[in-house]
Amino acid sequence: MSAAASLAGWIVAIPLIGVLMWFSWWIWNANNKLDARILAGDLDLLTSPSFSISEVIRAPMGSRVDAAQTMAVQQLPPNMMMVPVQLPDGRMGMMPVRTAVAPVNVQTIHRPPMH
């Protein structure tokens, strides 16, 4: 092999090696940044056009990420309260329960006998 061919090979190889090294560093850096954002709990990842979320690992099987709509909070009557209950599928939910205490504005029908 001639010296000119060897020199031409190195002229082609050195830029290719440089591009491969830069590309490897870029992938490594992007993965480290993504890991840091996940650990920080960055919610912008859910709506980012750069990432496609196909699976949420720390969620029950079949879970999905949906856009939540704002709901109006309804005031409970004074004789109601919310208690946590476990649903049949294992999830926890809040259920309204009537309390035994009657509201203040309720009057009794029967008056005690007067002697």
PDB file of N, CA and C in Angstrom:
ATOM      1  N   MET A   1       0.834  -1.156   0.000  1.00  0.00           N
ATOM      2  CA  MET A   1       0.000   0.000   0.000  1.00  0.00           C
ATOM      3  C   MET A   1       0.890   1.232   0.000  1.00  0.00           C
ATOM      4  N   SER A   2       0.522   2.198  -0.785  1.00  0.00           N
ATOM      5  CA  SER A   2       1.369   3.380  -0.910  1.00  0.00           C
ATOM      6  C   SER A   2       1.112   4.350   0.242  1.00  0.00           C
ATOM      7  N   ALA A   3       2.014   5.245   0.428  1.00  0.00           N
ATOM      8  CA  ALA A   3       1.894   6.246   1.492  1.00  0.00           C
ATOM      9  C   ALA A   3       0.743   7.194   1.208  1.00  0.00           C
ATOM     10  N   ALA A   4       0.486   7.488  -0.078  1.00  0.00           N
ATOM     11  CA  ALA A   4      -0.612   8.386  -0.445  1.00  0.00           C
ATOM     12  C   ALA A   4      -1.963   7.762  -0.106  1.00  0.00           C
ATOM     13  N   ALA A   5      -2.116   6.448  -0.330  1.00  0.00           N
ATOM     14  CA  ALA A   5      -3.372   5.763  -0.005  1.00  0.00           C
ATOM     15  C   ALA A   5      -3.565   5.707   1.501  1.00  0.00           C
ATOM     16  N   SER A   6      -2.488   5.464   2.242  1.00  0.00           N
ATOM     17  CA  SER A   6      -2.568   5.424   3.693  1.00  0.00           C
ATOM     18  C   SER A   6      -2.962   6.799   4.241  1.00  0.00           C
ATOM     19  N   LEU A   7      -2.380   7.850   3.693  1.00  0.00           N
ATOM     20  CA  LEU A   7      -2.707   9.202   4.119  1.00  0.00           C
ATOM     21  C   LEU A   7      -4.165   9.531   3.793  1.00  0.00           C
ATOM     22  N   ALA A   8      -4.646   9.131   2.630  1.00  0.00           N
ATOM     23  CA  ALA A   8      -6.044   9.365   2.245  1.00  0.00           C
ATOM     24  C   ALA A   8      -6.986   8.613   3.181  1.00  0.00           C
ATOM     25  N   GLY A   9      -6.612   7.409   3.584  1.00  0.00           N
ATOM     26  CA  GLY A   9      -7.426   6.634   4.527  1.00  0.00           C
ATOM     27  C   GLY A   9      -7.552   7.345   5.867  1.00  0.00           C
ATOM     28  N   TRP A  10      -6.432   7.886   6.362  1.00  0.00           N
ATOM     29  CA  TRP A  10      -6.462   8.610   7.636  1.00  0.00           C
ATOM     30  C   TRP A  10      -7.253   9.911   7.516  1.00  0.00           C
ATOM     31  N   ILE A  11      -7.196  10.549   6.371  1.00  0.00           N
ATOM     32  CA  ILE A  11      -7.959  11.793   6.172  1.00  0.00           C
ATOM     33  C   ILE A  11      -9.463  11.511   6.237  1.00  0.00           C
ATOM     34  N   VAL A  12      -9.873  10.359   5.769  1.00  0.00           N
ATOM     35  CA  VAL A  12     -11.286   9.975   5.838  1.00  0.00           C
ATOM     36  C   VAL A  12     -11.630   9.430   7.230  1.00  0.00           C
ATOM     37  N   ALA A  13     -10.738   8.659   7.834  1.00  0.00           N
ATOM     38  CA  ALA A  13     -11.022   7.979   9.098  1.00  0.00           C
ATOM     39  C   ALA A  13     -11.104   8.943  10.281  1.00  0.00           C
ATOM     40  N   ILE A  14     -10.207   9.927  10.332  1.00  0.00           N
ATOM     41  CA  ILE A  14     -10.172  10.823  11.499  1.00  0.00           C
ATOM     42  C   ILE A  14     -11.480  11.602  11.650  1.00  0.00           C
ATOM     43  N   PRO A  15     -12.045  12.212  10.610  1.00  0.00           N
ATOM     44  CA  PRO A  15     -13.350  12.879  10.796  1.00  0.00           C
ATOM     45  C   PRO A  15     -14.473  11.899  11.173  1.00  0.00           C
ATOM     46  N   LEU A  16     -14.448  10.698  10.593  1.00  0.00           N
ATOM     47  CA  LEU A  16     -15.480   9.710  10.941  1.00  0.00           C
ATOM     48  C   LEU A  16     -15.367   9.285  12.402  1.00  0.00           C
ATOM     49  N   ILE A  17     -14.160   9.093  12.885  1.00  0.00           N
ATOM     50  CA  ILE A  17     -13.959   8.741  14.297  1.00  0.00           C
ATOM     51  C   ILE A  17     -14.437   9.892  15.181  1.00  0.00           C
ATOM     52  N   GLY A  18     -14.130  11.121  14.761  1.00  0.00           N
ATOM     53  CA  GLY A  18     -14.585  12.288  15.527  1.00  0.00           C
ATOM     54  C   GLY A  18     -16.102  12.377  15.581  1.00  0.00           C
ATOM     55  N   VAL A  19     -16.761  12.139  14.452  1.00  0.00           N
ATOM     56  CA  VAL A  19     -18.230  12.179  14.417  1.00  0.00           C
ATOM     57  C   VAL A  19     -18.807  11.067  15.293  1.00  0.00           C
ATOM     58  N   LEU A  20     -18.248   9.878  15.253  1.00  0.00           N
ATOM     59  CA  LEU A  20     -18.731   8.772  16.089  1.00  0.00           C
ATOM     60  C   LEU A  20     -18.537   9.072  17.576  1.00  0.00           C
ATOM     61  N   MET A  21     -17.422   9.665  17.931  1.00  0.00           N
ATOM     62  CA  MET A  21     -17.178  10.014  19.333  1.00  0.00           C
ATOM     63  C   MET A  21     -18.156  11.097  19.789  1.00  0.00           C
ATOM     64  N   TRP A  22     -18.386  12.115  18.952  1.00  0.00           N
ATOM     65  CA  TRP A  22     -19.336  13.167  19.304  1.00  0.00           C
ATOM     66  C   TRP A  22     -20.743  12.594  19.446  1.00  0.00           C
ATOM     67  N   PHE A  23     -21.149  11.724  18.518  1.00  0.00           N
ATOM     68  CA  PHE A  23     -22.480  11.128  18.565  1.00  0.00           C
ATOM     69  C   PHE A  23     -22.651  10.269  19.827  1.00  0.00           C
ATOM     70  N   SER A  24     -21.628   9.506  20.191  1.00  0.00           N
ATOM     71  CA  SER A  24     -21.681   8.694  21.414  1.00  0.00           C
ATOM     72  C   SER A  24     -21.828   9.586  22.639  1.00  0.00           C
ATOM     73  N   TRP A  25     -21.057  10.682  22.701  1.00  0.00           N
ATOM     74  CA  TRP A  25     -21.160  11.603  23.828  1.00  0.00           C
ATOM     75  C   TRP A  25     -22.544  12.242  23.876  1.00  0.00           C
ATOM     76  N   TRP A  26     -23.104  12.629  22.709  1.00  0.00           N
ATOM     77  CA  TRP A  26     -24.404  13.280  22.653  1.00  0.00           C
ATOM     78  C   TRP A  26     -25.501  12.356  23.196  1.00  0.00           C
ATOM     79  N   ILE A  27     -25.458  11.065  22.815  1.00  0.00           N
ATOM     80  CA  ILE A  27     -26.443  10.099  23.312  1.00  0.00           C
ATOM     81  C   ILE A  27     -26.289   9.912  24.819  1.00  0.00           C
ATOM     82  N   TRP A  28     -25.062   9.765  25.296  1.00  0.00           N
ATOM     83  CA  TRP A  28     -24.800   9.591  26.725  1.00  0.00           C
ATOM     84  C   TRP A  28     -25.298  10.814  27.505  1.00  0.00           C
ATOM     85  N   ASN A  29     -25.041  12.013  27.035  1.00  0.00           N
ATOM     86  CA  ASN A  29     -25.457  13.240  27.697  1.00  0.00           C
ATOM     87  C   ASN A  29     -26.984  13.363  27.705  1.00  0.00           C
ATOM     88  N   ALA A  30     -27.629  13.051  26.599  1.00  0.00           N
ATOM     89  CA  ALA A  30     -29.092  13.123  26.531  1.00  0.00           C
ATOM     90  C   ALA A  30     -29.732  12.139  27.511  1.00  0.00           C
ATOM     91  N   ASN A  31     -29.179  10.937  27.624  1.00  0.00           N
ATOM     92  CA  ASN A  31     -29.708   9.956  28.576  1.00  0.00           C
ATOM     93  C   ASN A  31     -29.533  10.424  30.012  1.00  0.00           C
ATOM     94  N   ASN A  32     -28.385  11.031  30.325  1.00  0.00           N
ATOM     95  CA  ASN A  32     -28.169  11.534  31.680  1.00  0.00           C
ATOM     96  C   ASN A  32     -29.129  12.677  32.006  1.00  0.00           C
ATOM     97  N   LYS A  33     -29.366  13.577  31.051  1.00  0.00           N
ATOM     98  CA  LYS A  33     -30.318  14.668  31.274  1.00  0.00           C
ATOM     99  C   LYS A  33     -31.729  14.131  31.474  1.00  0.00           C
ATOM    100  N   LEU A  34     -32.119  13.131  30.678  1.00  0.00           N
ATOM    101  CA  LEU A  34     -33.450  12.533  30.817  1.00  0.00           C
ATOM    102  C   LEU A  34     -33.592  11.857  32.176  1.00  0.00           C
ATOM    103  N   ASP A  35     -32.582  11.109  32.602  1.00  0.00           N
ATOM    104  CA  ASP A  35     -32.628  10.461  33.915  1.00  0.00           C
ATOM    105  C   ASP A  35     -32.769  11.493  35.025  1.00  0.00           C
ATOM    106  N   ALA A  36     -32.051  12.610  34.917  1.00  0.00           N
ATOM    107  CA  ALA A  36     -32.131  13.660  35.932  1.00  0.00           C
ATOM    108  C   ALA A  36     -33.530  14.275  35.959  1.00  0.00           C
ATOM    109  N   ARG A  37     -34.142  14.484  34.793  1.00  0.00           N
ATOM    110  CA  ARG A  37     -35.490  15.049  34.743  1.00  0.00           C
ATOM    111  C   ARG A  37     -36.520  14.077  35.311  1.00  0.00           C
ATOM    112  N   ILE A  38     -36.343  12.790  35.050  1.00  0.00           N
ATOM    113  CA  ILE A  38     -37.266  11.791  35.597  1.00  0.00           C
ATOM    114  C   ILE A  38     -37.145  11.750  37.111  1.00  0.00           C
ATOM    115  N   LEU A  39     -35.917  11.743  37.634  1.00  0.00           N
ATOM    116  CA  LEU A  39     -35.712  11.726  39.084  1.00  0.00           C
ATOM    117  C   LEU A  39     -36.263  12.977  39.747  1.00  0.00           C
ATOM    118  N   ALA A  40     -36.207  14.108  39.048  1.00  0.00           N
ATOM    119  CA  ALA A  40     -36.731  15.364  39.598  1.00  0.00           C
ATOM    120  C   ALA A  40     -38.256  15.433  39.487  1.00  0.00           C
ATOM    121  N   GLY A  41     -38.869  14.490  38.750  1.00  0.00           N
ATOM    122  CA  GLY A  41     -40.328  14.485  38.597  1.00  0.00           C
ATOM    123  C   GLY A  41     -40.825  15.583  37.684  1.00  0.00           C
ATOM    124  N   ASP A  42     -40.100  15.864  36.631  1.00  0.00           N
ATOM    125  CA  ASP A  42     -40.455  16.923  35.685  1.00  0.00           C
ATOM    126  C   ASP A  42     -41.707  16.533  34.907  1.00  0.00           C
ATOM    127  N   LEU A  43     -42.821  17.221  35.168  1.00  0.00           N
ATOM    128  CA  LEU A  43     -44.088  16.891  34.503  1.00  0.00           C
ATOM    129  C   LEU A  43     -44.126  17.358  33.055  1.00  0.00           C
ATOM    130  N   ASP A  44     -43.199  18.229  32.652  1.00  0.00           N
ATOM    131  CA  ASP A  44     -43.152  18.669  31.251  1.00  0.00           C
ATOM    132  C   ASP A  44     -42.804  17.516  30.313  1.00  0.00           C
ATOM    133  N   LEU A  45     -42.240  16.446  30.838  1.00  0.00           N
ATOM    134  CA  LEU A  45     -41.917  15.286  29.996  1.00  0.00           C
ATOM    135  C   LEU A  45     -43.175  14.650  29.415  1.00  0.00           C
ATOM    136  N   LEU A  46     -44.306  14.757  30.134  1.00  0.00           N
ATOM    137  CA  LEU A  46     -45.546  14.131  29.673  1.00  0.00           C
ATOM    138  C   LEU A  46     -46.089  14.799  28.412  1.00  0.00           C
ATOM    139  N   THR A  47     -45.840  16.095  28.254  1.00  0.00           N
ATOM    140  CA  THR A  47     -46.381  16.820  27.109  1.00  0.00           C
ATOM    141  C   THR A  47     -45.304  17.231  26.115  1.00  0.00           C
ATOM    142  N   SER A  48     -44.075  16.819  26.338  1.00  0.00           N
ATOM    143  CA  SER A  48     -42.974  17.218  25.470  1.00  0.00           C
ATOM    144  C   SER A  48     -43.076  16.527  24.113  1.00  0.00           C
ATOM    145  N   PRO A  49     -42.906  17.272  23.018  1.00  0.00           N
ATOM    146  CA  PRO A  49     -42.938  16.647  21.700  1.00  0.00           C
ATOM    147  C   PRO A  49     -41.680  15.822  21.418  1.00  0.00           C
ATOM    148  N   SER A  50     -40.656  15.966  22.245  1.00  0.00           N
ATOM    149  CA  SER A  50     -39.406  15.239  22.037  1.00  0.00           C
ATOM    150  C   SER A  50     -39.490  13.782  22.485  1.00  0.00           C
ATOM    151  N   PHE A  51     -40.454  13.469  23.359  1.00  0.00           N
ATOM    152  CA  PHE A  51     -40.540  12.127  23.919  1.00  0.00           C
ATOM    153  C   PHE A  51     -41.909  11.541  23.645  1.00  0.00           C
ATOM    154  N   SER A  52     -41.928  10.261  23.336  1.00  0.00           N
ATOM    155  CA  SER A  52     -43.175   9.532  23.139  1.00  0.00           C
ATOM    156  C   SER A  52     -43.323   8.554  24.295  1.00  0.00           C
ATOM    157  N   ILE A  53     -44.369   8.720  25.096  1.00  0.00           N
ATOM    158  CA  ILE A  53     -44.581   7.867  26.258  1.00  0.00           C
ATOM    159  C   ILE A  53     -45.472   6.710  25.843  1.00  0.00           C
ATOM    160  N   SER A  54     -44.917   5.508  25.884  1.00  0.00           N
ATOM    161  CA  SER A  54     -45.699   4.333  25.515  1.00  0.00           C
ATOM    162  C   SER A  54     -46.048   3.488  26.732  1.00  0.00           C
ATOM    163  N   GLU A  55     -45.346   3.700  27.856  1.00  0.00           N
ATOM    164  CA  GLU A  55     -45.590   2.883  29.035  1.00  0.00           C
ATOM    165  C   GLU A  55     -45.174   3.657  30.270  1.00  0.00           C
ATOM    166  N   VAL A  56     -46.006   3.585  31.302  1.00  0.00           N
ATOM    167  CA  VAL A  56     -45.660   4.138  32.604  1.00  0.00           C
ATOM    168  C   VAL A  56     -45.396   2.953  33.502  1.00  0.00           C
ATOM    169  N   ILE A  57     -44.150   2.792  33.921  1.00  0.00           N
ATOM    170  CA  ILE A  57     -43.747   1.577  34.611  1.00  0.00           C
ATOM    171  C   ILE A  57     -44.292   1.509  36.032  1.00  0.00           C
ATOM    172  N   ARG A  58     -44.269   2.591  36.778  1.00  0.00           N
ATOM    173  CA  ARG A  58     -44.700   2.560  38.171  1.00  0.00           C
ATOM    174  C   ARG A  58     -46.177   2.908  38.289  1.00  0.00           C
ATOM    175  N   ALA A  59     -46.992   2.172  37.591  1.00  0.00           N
ATOM    176  CA  ALA A  59     -48.432   2.349  37.634  1.00  0.00           C
ATOM    177  C   ALA A  59     -49.076   0.982  37.444  1.00  0.00           C
ATOM    178  N   PRO A  60     -50.318   0.830  37.884  1.00  0.00           N
ATOM    179  CA  PRO A  60     -50.985  -0.456  37.686  1.00  0.00           C
ATOM    180  C   PRO A  60     -51.097  -0.806  36.207  1.00  0.00           C
ATOM    181  N   MET A  61     -51.120  -2.083  35.904  1.00  0.00           N
ATOM    182  CA  MET A  61     -51.227  -2.556  34.529  1.00  0.00           C
ATOM    183  C   MET A  61     -52.471  -1.971  33.878  1.00  0.00           C
ATOM    184  N   GLY A  62     -52.316  -1.466  32.673  1.00  0.00           N
ATOM    185  CA  GLY A  62     -53.430  -0.891  31.939  1.00  0.00           C
ATOM    186  C   GLY A  62     -53.639   0.593  32.185  1.00  0.00           C
ATOM    187  N   SER A  63     -52.811   1.205  33.039  1.00  0.00           N
ATOM    188  CA  SER A  63     -52.950   2.638  33.309  1.00  0.00           C
ATOM    189  C   SER A  63     -52.548   3.434  32.083  1.00  0.00           C
ATOM    190  N   ARG A  64     -53.081   4.643  31.991  1.00  0.00           N
ATOM    191  CA  ARG A  64     -52.706   5.524  30.896  1.00  0.00           C
ATOM    192  C   ARG A  64     -52.704   6.958  31.406  1.00  0.00           C
ATOM    193  N   VAL A  65     -52.055   7.826  30.673  1.00  0.00           N
ATOM    194  CA  VAL A  65     -51.973   9.234  31.037  1.00  0.00           C
ATOM    195  C   VAL A  65     -52.979   9.986  30.184  1.00  0.00           C
ATOM    196  N   ASP A  66     -53.944  10.613  30.839  1.00  0.00           N
ATOM    197  CA  ASP A  66     -54.969  11.390  30.149  1.00  0.00           C
ATOM    198  C   ASP A  66     -54.880  12.837  30.601  1.00  0.00           C
ATOM    199  N   ALA A  67     -55.308  13.731  29.742  1.00  0.00           N
ATOM    200  CA  ALA A  67     -55.397  15.135  30.129  1.00  0.00           C
ATOM    201  C   ALA A  67     -56.562  15.282  31.093  1.00  0.00           C
ATOM    202  N   ALA A  68     -56.303  15.827  32.250  1.00  0.00           N
ATOM    203  CA  ALA A  68     -57.335  15.979  33.270  1.00  0.00           C
ATOM    204  C   ALA A  68     -58.085  17.276  33.059  1.00  0.00           C
ATOM    205  N   GLN A  69     -59.395  17.218  33.203  1.00  0.00           N
ATOM    206  CA  GLN A  69     -60.214  18.408  33.096  1.00  0.00           C
ATOM    207  C   GLN A  69     -60.454  18.965  34.491  1.00  0.00           C
ATOM    208  N   THR A  70     -60.563  20.271  34.580  1.00  0.00           N
ATOM    209  CA  THR A  70     -60.834  20.898  35.865  1.00  0.00           C
ATOM    210  C   THR A  70     -62.286  20.644  36.240  1.00  0.00           C
ATOM    211  N   MET A  71     -62.480  20.182  37.458  1.00  0.00           N
ATOM    212  CA  MET A  71     -63.830  19.883  37.923  1.00  0.00           C
ATOM    213  C   MET A  71     -64.198  20.848  39.046  1.00  0.00           C
ATOM    214  N   ALA A  72     -65.456  21.252  39.071  1.00  0.00           N
ATOM    215  CA  ALA A  72     -65.937  22.114  40.144  1.00  0.00           C
ATOM    216  C   ALA A  72     -66.110  21.270  41.405  1.00  0.00           C
ATOM    217  N   VAL A  73     -65.663  21.798  42.512  1.00  0.00           N
ATOM    218  CA  VAL A  73     -65.789  21.086  43.784  1.00  0.00           C
ATOM    219  C   VAL A  73     -67.152  21.405  44.370  1.00  0.00           C
ATOM    220  N   GLN A  74     -67.889  20.365  44.694  1.00  0.00           N
ATOM    221  CA  GLN A  74     -69.231  20.545  45.229  1.00  0.00           C
ATOM    222  C   GLN A  74     -69.161  20.521  46.754  1.00  0.00           C
ATOM    223  N   GLN A  75     -69.855  21.457  47.385  1.00  0.00           N
ATOM    224  CA  GLN A  75     -69.880  21.514  48.846  1.00  0.00           C
ATOM    225  C   GLN A  75     -70.792  20.412  49.373  1.00  0.00           C
ATOM    226  N   LEU A  76     -70.344  19.726  50.416  1.00  0.00           N
ATOM    227  CA  LEU A  76     -71.144  18.680  51.036  1.00  0.00           C
ATOM    228  C   LEU A  76     -72.102  19.292  52.049  1.00  0.00           C
ATOM    229  N   PRO A  77     -73.273  18.683  52.210  1.00  0.00           N
ATOM    230  CA  PRO A  77     -74.175  19.139  53.281  1.00  0.00           C
ATOM    231  C   PRO A  77     -73.500  18.936  54.642  1.00  0.00           C
ATOM    232  N   PRO A  78     -73.991  19.625  55.676  1.00  0.00           N
ATOM    233  CA  PRO A  78     -73.330  19.530  56.984  1.00  0.00           C
ATOM    234  C   PRO A  78     -73.357  18.134  57.597  1.00  0.00           C
ATOM    235  N   ASN A  79     -74.303  17.289  57.216  1.00  0.00           N
ATOM    236  CA  ASN A  79     -74.365  15.954  57.808  1.00  0.00           C
ATOM    237  C   ASN A  79     -73.668  14.897  56.937  1.00  0.00           C
ATOM    238  N   MET A  80     -72.798  15.335  56.030  1.00  0.00           N
ATOM    239  CA  MET A  80     -72.060  14.408  55.162  1.00  0.00           C
ATOM    240  C   MET A  80     -70.565  14.616  55.369  1.00  0.00           C
ATOM    241  N   MET A  81     -69.812  13.538  55.211  1.00  0.00           N
ATOM    242  CA  MET A  81     -68.356  13.629  55.227  1.00  0.00           C
ATOM    243  C   MET A  81     -67.793  12.593  54.262  1.00  0.00           C
ATOM    244  N   MET A  82     -66.563  12.794  53.841  1.00  0.00           N
ATOM    245  CA  MET A  82     -65.911  11.879  52.907  1.00  0.00           C
ATOM    246  C   MET A  82     -64.996  10.946  53.692  1.00  0.00           C
ATOM    247  N   VAL A  83     -65.081   9.641  53.404  1.00  0.00           N
ATOM    248  CA  VAL A  83     -64.210   8.672  54.059  1.00  0.00           C
ATOM    249  C   VAL A  83     -63.493   7.855  52.986  1.00  0.00           C
ATOM    250  N   PRO A  84     -62.223   7.487  53.235  1.00  0.00           N
ATOM    251  CA  PRO A  84     -61.513   6.663  52.252  1.00  0.00           C
ATOM    252  C   PRO A  84     -62.012   5.219  52.291  1.00  0.00           C
ATOM    253  N   VAL A  85     -62.202   4.627  51.108  1.00  0.00           N
ATOM    254  CA  VAL A  85     -62.614   3.226  50.998  1.00  0.00           C
ATOM    255  C   VAL A  85     -61.757   2.553  49.943  1.00  0.00           C
ATOM    256  N   GLN A  86     -61.556   1.243  50.097  1.00  0.00           N
ATOM    257  CA  GLN A  86     -60.816   0.490  49.091  1.00  0.00           C
ATOM    258  C   GLN A  86     -61.817  -0.107  48.110  1.00  0.00           C
ATOM    259  N   LEU A  87     -61.623   0.200  46.834  1.00  0.00           N
ATOM    260  CA  LEU A  87     -62.515  -0.290  45.791  1.00  0.00           C
ATOM    261  C   LEU A  87     -62.202  -1.751  45.485  1.00  0.00           C
ATOM    262  N   PRO A  88     -63.118  -2.484  44.836  1.00  0.00           N
ATOM    263  CA  PRO A  88     -62.879  -3.904  44.554  1.00  0.00           C
ATOM    264  C   PRO A  88     -61.621  -4.175  43.728  1.00  0.00           C
ATOM    265  N   ASP A  89     -61.213  -3.221  42.901  1.00  0.00           N
ATOM    266  CA  ASP A  89     -60.009  -3.454  42.100  1.00  0.00           C
ATOM    267  C   ASP A  89     -58.727  -3.071  42.837  1.00  0.00           C
ATOM    268  N   GLY A  90     -58.832  -2.692  44.120  1.00  0.00           N
ATOM    269  CA  GLY A  90     -57.652  -2.398  44.924  1.00  0.00           C
ATOM    270  C   GLY A  90     -57.330  -0.926  45.051  1.00  0.00           C
ATOM    271  N   ARG A  91     -57.947  -0.083  44.233  1.00  0.00           N
ATOM    272  CA  ARG A  91     -57.674   1.350  44.314  1.00  0.00           C
ATOM    273  C   ARG A  91     -58.366   1.948  45.533  1.00  0.00           C
ATOM    274  N   MET A  92     -57.894   3.102  45.970  1.00  0.00           N
ATOM    275  CA  MET A  92     -58.526   3.815  47.072  1.00  0.00           C
ATOM    276  C   MET A  92     -59.370   4.939  46.491  1.00  0.00           C
ATOM    277  N   GLY A  93     -60.518   5.163  47.082  1.00  0.00           N
ATOM    278  CA  GLY A  93     -61.390   6.232  46.640  1.00  0.00           C
ATOM    279  C   GLY A  93     -62.051   6.896  47.838  1.00  0.00           C
ATOM    280  N   MET A  94     -62.665   8.035  47.621  1.00  0.00           N
ATOM    281  CA  MET A  94     -63.368   8.739  48.686  1.00  0.00           C
ATOM    282  C   MET A  94     -64.863   8.585  48.452  1.00  0.00           C
ATOM    283  N   MET A  95     -65.595   8.227  49.516  1.00  0.00           N
ATOM    284  CA  MET A  95     -67.022   7.992  49.406  1.00  0.00           C
ATOM    285  C   MET A  95     -67.758   8.897  50.396  1.00  0.00           C
ATOM    286  N   PRO A  96     -68.843   9.555  49.955  1.00  0.00           N
ATOM    287  CA  PRO A  96     -69.613  10.377  50.893  1.00  0.00           C
ATOM    288  C   PRO A  96     -70.431   9.492  51.822  1.00  0.00           C
ATOM    289  N   VAL A  97     -70.453   9.847  53.104  1.00  0.00           N
ATOM    290  CA  VAL A  97     -71.186   9.083  54.112  1.00  0.00           C
ATOM    291  C   VAL A  97     -71.961  10.067  54.974  1.00  0.00           C
ATOM    292  N   ARG A  98     -73.227   9.729  55.241  1.00  0.00           N
ATOM    293  CA  ARG A  98     -74.033  10.560  56.136  1.00  0.00           C
ATOM    294  C   ARG A  98     -73.610  10.297  57.575  1.00  0.00           C
ATOM    295  N   THR A  99     -73.504  11.373  58.339  1.00  0.00           N
ATOM    296  CA  THR A  99     -73.150  11.228  59.750  1.00  0.00           C
ATOM    297  C   THR A  99     -74.422  11.146  60.571  1.00  0.00           C
ATOM    298  N   ALA A 100     -74.317  10.657  61.804  1.00  0.00           N
ATOM    299  CA  ALA A 100     -75.471  10.498  62.677  1.00  0.00           C
ATOM    300  C   ALA A 100     -75.910  11.824  63.277  1.00  0.00           C
ATOM    301  N   VAL A 101     -75.080  12.817  63.248  1.00  0.00           N
ATOM    302  CA  VAL A 101     -75.414  14.111  63.828  1.00  0.00           C
ATOM    303  C   VAL A 101     -76.353  14.847  62.888  1.00  0.00           C
ATOM    304  N   ALA A 102     -77.484  15.276  63.419  1.00  0.00           N
ATOM    305  CA  ALA A 102     -78.455  16.005  62.615  1.00  0.00           C
ATOM    306  C   ALA A 102     -77.987  17.442  62.432  1.00  0.00           C
ATOM    307  N   PRO A 103     -78.331  18.056  61.320  1.00  0.00           N
ATOM    308  CA  PRO A 103     -77.976  19.458  61.123  1.00  0.00           C
ATOM    309  C   PRO A 103     -78.611  20.350  62.192  1.00  0.00           C
ATOM    310  N   VAL A 104     -78.041  21.483  62.416  1.00  0.00           N
ATOM    311  CA  VAL A 104     -78.493  22.397  63.464  1.00  0.00           C
ATOM    312  C   VAL A 104     -79.888  22.933  63.162  1.00  0.00           C
ATOM    313  N   ASN A 105     -80.241  23.138  61.920  1.00  0.00           N
ATOM    314  CA  ASN A 105     -81.517  23.779  61.590  1.00  0.00           C
ATOM    315  C   ASN A 105     -82.702  22.808  61.566  1.00  0.00           C
ATOM    316  N   VAL A 106     -82.517  21.522  61.906  1.00  0.00           N
ATOM    317  CA  VAL A 106     -83.608  20.544  61.917  1.00  0.00           C
ATOM    318  C   VAL A 106     -84.283  20.575  63.288  1.00  0.00           C
ATOM    319  N   GLN A 107     -85.614  20.693  63.304  1.00  0.00           N
ATOM    320  CA  GLN A 107     -86.351  20.691  64.552  1.00  0.00           C
ATOM    321  C   GLN A 107     -87.031  19.333  64.734  1.00  0.00           C
ATOM    322  N   THR A 108     -87.166  18.898  65.972  1.00  0.00           N
ATOM    323  CA  THR A 108     -87.823  17.620  66.224  1.00  0.00           C
ATOM    324  C   THR A 108     -89.319  17.773  66.057  1.00  0.00           C
ATOM    325  N   ILE A 109     -89.988  16.718  65.607  1.00  0.00           N
ATOM    326  CA  ILE A 109     -91.427  16.744  65.378  1.00  0.00           C
ATOM    327  C   ILE A 109     -92.168  16.585  66.705  1.00  0.00           C
ATOM    328  N   HIS A 110     -91.700  15.658  67.524  1.00  0.00           N
ATOM    329  CA  HIS A 110     -92.360  15.360  68.788  1.00  0.00           C
ATOM    330  C   HIS A 110     -91.770  16.197  69.899  1.00  0.00           C
ATOM    331  N   ARG A 111     -92.661  16.801  70.660  1.00  0.00           N
ATOM    332  CA  ARG A 111     -92.202  17.581  71.810  1.00  0.00           C
ATOM    333  C   ARG A 111     -92.366  16.707  73.050  1.00  0.00           C
ATOM    334  N   PRO A 112     -91.449  16.850  73.960  1.00  0.00           N
ATOM    335  CA  PRO A 112     -91.592  16.050  75.199  1.00  0.00           C
ATOM    336  C   PRO A 112     -92.859  16.446  75.954  1.00  0.00           C
ATOM    337  N   PRO A 113     -93.497  15.449  76.602  1.00  0.00           N
ATOM    338  CA  PRO A 113     -94.741  15.750  77.323  1.00  0.00           C
ATOM    339  C   PRO A 113     -94.477  16.724  78.482  1.00  0.00           C
ATOM    340  N   MET A 114     -95.375  17.636  78.681  1.00  0.00           N
ATOM    341  CA  MET A 114     -95.269  18.629  79.769  1.00  0.00           C
ATOM    342  C   MET A 114     -96.151  18.180  80.922  1.00  0.00           C
ATOM    343  N   HIS A 115     -95.705  18.167  82.158  1.00  0.00           N
ATOM    344  CA  HIS A 115     -96.489  17.787  83.320  1.00  0.00           C
ATOM    345  C   HIS A 115     -96.758  18.957  84.190  1.00  0.00           C
TER     346      HIS A 115
END
